[in-house]
Amino acid sequence: MFQAAGHDAIHTLDLQDQNATRDGILNEVSMTEMRVLVTKDTDFYYSHLLNGRPWKLVLVRTGNLGLKATKLMFETHLPAIEAALASCTLVELDQLQVSMIPQL
């Protein structure tokens, strides 16, 4: 979906260890390639707040939302996500809204 919107996006499946890629490697890829990391894993939220890693983060807070509904949610909110990331490094997304988290 991100690629279809013109973004240079990769998935963990594109990496050598695929979905088994360690968090530290994902953070390193994000930092060195200046990539936004999109995840439901709150470990990245705390890493970003404490260490500034990953480079930019979209934390998805939807619980067990199905794939079709998740894709629709991203399609609906993509312009707001893009706008938020232009001025902020941490964004939270749920089914209803996109929230920018100010940096401390």
Protein backbone atom coordinates (compact mmCIF):
# COMPACT_ATOMS: atom_id res chain seq x y z
CA MET A 1 0.00 0.00 0.00
CA PHE A 2 2.78 2.47 0.86
CA GLN A 3 4.60 1.63 -2.37
CA ALA A 4 1.37 2.17 -4.33
CA ALA A 5 1.20 5.63 -2.76
CA GLY A 6 4.70 6.42 -4.07
CA HIS A 7 6.71 5.71 -0.93
CA ASP A 8 9.99 3.79 -0.91
CA ALA A 9 8.70 1.17 1.51
CA ILE A 10 10.09 -2.18 2.54
CA HIS A 11 8.57 -4.93 4.64
CA THR A 12 10.35 -7.16 7.12
CA LEU A 13 9.82 -9.94 4.58
CA ASP A 14 12.23 -8.04 2.31
CA LEU A 15 15.02 -8.34 4.90
CA GLN A 16 17.40 -11.29 5.26
CA ASP A 17 15.82 -12.64 8.46
CA GLN A 18 12.32 -11.63 7.37
CA ASN A 19 9.83 -11.52 10.27
CA ALA A 20 12.52 -12.88 12.62
CA THR A 21 14.59 -9.69 12.19
CA ARG A 22 15.65 -8.40 15.61
CA ASP A 23 14.41 -5.03 16.82
CA GLY A 24 17.95 -3.66 16.89
CA ILE A 25 18.39 -4.42 13.19
CA LEU A 26 15.06 -2.77 12.37
CA ASN A 27 16.13 0.32 14.32
CA GLU A 28 19.47 0.36 12.49
CA VAL A 29 17.78 0.12 9.07
CA SER A 30 15.41 2.91 10.08
CA MET A 31 18.25 5.16 11.24
CA THR A 32 20.75 4.55 8.42
CA GLU A 33 18.17 4.62 5.62
CA MET A 34 15.97 7.30 7.23
CA ARG A 35 12.91 5.05 7.10
CA VAL A 36 9.69 5.32 9.03
CA LEU A 37 9.00 2.19 11.04
CA VAL A 38 5.32 1.16 11.19
CA THR A 39 4.48 -1.30 13.95
CA LYS A 40 2.09 -2.43 16.67
CA ASP A 41 5.05 -3.33 18.92
CA THR A 42 5.18 -0.88 21.84
CA ASP A 43 8.85 -1.76 22.46
CA PHE A 44 9.65 0.58 19.56
CA TYR A 45 7.55 3.32 21.18
CA TYR A 46 9.68 3.23 24.32
CA SER A 47 12.91 2.91 22.31
CA HIS A 48 11.93 5.98 20.31
CA LEU A 49 11.08 8.01 23.42
CA LEU A 50 14.20 6.98 25.32
CA ASN A 51 16.80 6.66 22.56
CA GLY A 52 15.40 8.43 19.50
CA ARG A 53 15.35 5.12 17.63
CA PRO A 54 13.78 4.33 15.18
CA TRP A 55 14.24 7.45 13.05
CA LYS A 56 10.47 7.98 12.77
CA LEU A 57 7.71 5.79 14.12
CA VAL A 58 4.05 5.13 13.38
CA LEU A 59 2.61 3.15 16.28
CA VAL A 60 -0.55 1.32 15.27
CA ARG A 61 -2.99 0.88 18.14
CA THR A 62 -5.81 -1.20 16.72
CA GLY A 63 -5.71 -4.48 18.57
CA ASN A 64 -6.58 -7.49 16.45
CA LEU A 65 -7.98 -5.70 13.44
CA GLY A 66 -8.28 -7.86 10.31
CA LEU A 67 -6.08 -7.30 7.26
CA LYS A 68 -8.83 -5.81 5.08
CA ALA A 69 -9.87 -3.35 7.79
CA THR A 70 -6.24 -2.47 8.50
CA LYS A 71 -5.58 -1.68 4.83
CA LEU A 72 -8.71 0.47 4.69
CA MET A 73 -7.63 2.30 7.84
CA PHE A 74 -4.22 3.10 6.33
CA GLU A 75 -5.76 4.21 3.03
CA THR A 76 -8.19 6.47 4.88
CA HIS A 77 -5.57 8.03 7.14
CA LEU A 78 -2.52 8.09 4.85
CA PRO A 79 -2.71 11.83 4.07
CA ALA A 80 -2.91 12.64 7.79
CA ILE A 81 -0.03 10.25 8.56
CA GLU A 82 2.12 11.89 5.87
CA ALA A 83 1.29 15.37 7.18
CA ALA A 84 2.06 14.37 10.77
CA LEU A 85 5.40 12.82 9.84
CA ALA A 86 6.42 16.01 8.04
CA SER A 87 6.65 17.78 11.40
CA CYS A 88 6.87 15.02 13.99
CA THR A 89 8.87 11.82 14.51
CA LEU A 90 6.24 9.88 16.49
CA VAL A 91 2.70 9.28 15.30
CA GLU A 92 -0.02 7.08 16.76
CA LEU A 93 -2.73 5.62 14.59
CA ASP A 94 -5.99 4.03 15.64
CA GLN A 95 -9.14 3.29 13.70
CA LEU A 96 -10.50 6.79 14.24
CA GLN A 97 -7.57 9.18 14.17
CA VAL A 98 -3.93 10.03 13.68
CA SER A 99 -2.24 11.61 16.70
CA MET A 100 1.06 13.45 16.68
CA ILE A 101 3.10 12.90 19.82
CA PRO A 102 5.18 15.99 20.63
CA GLN A 103 8.86 15.42 21.36
CA LEU A 104 10.01 16.20 24.89
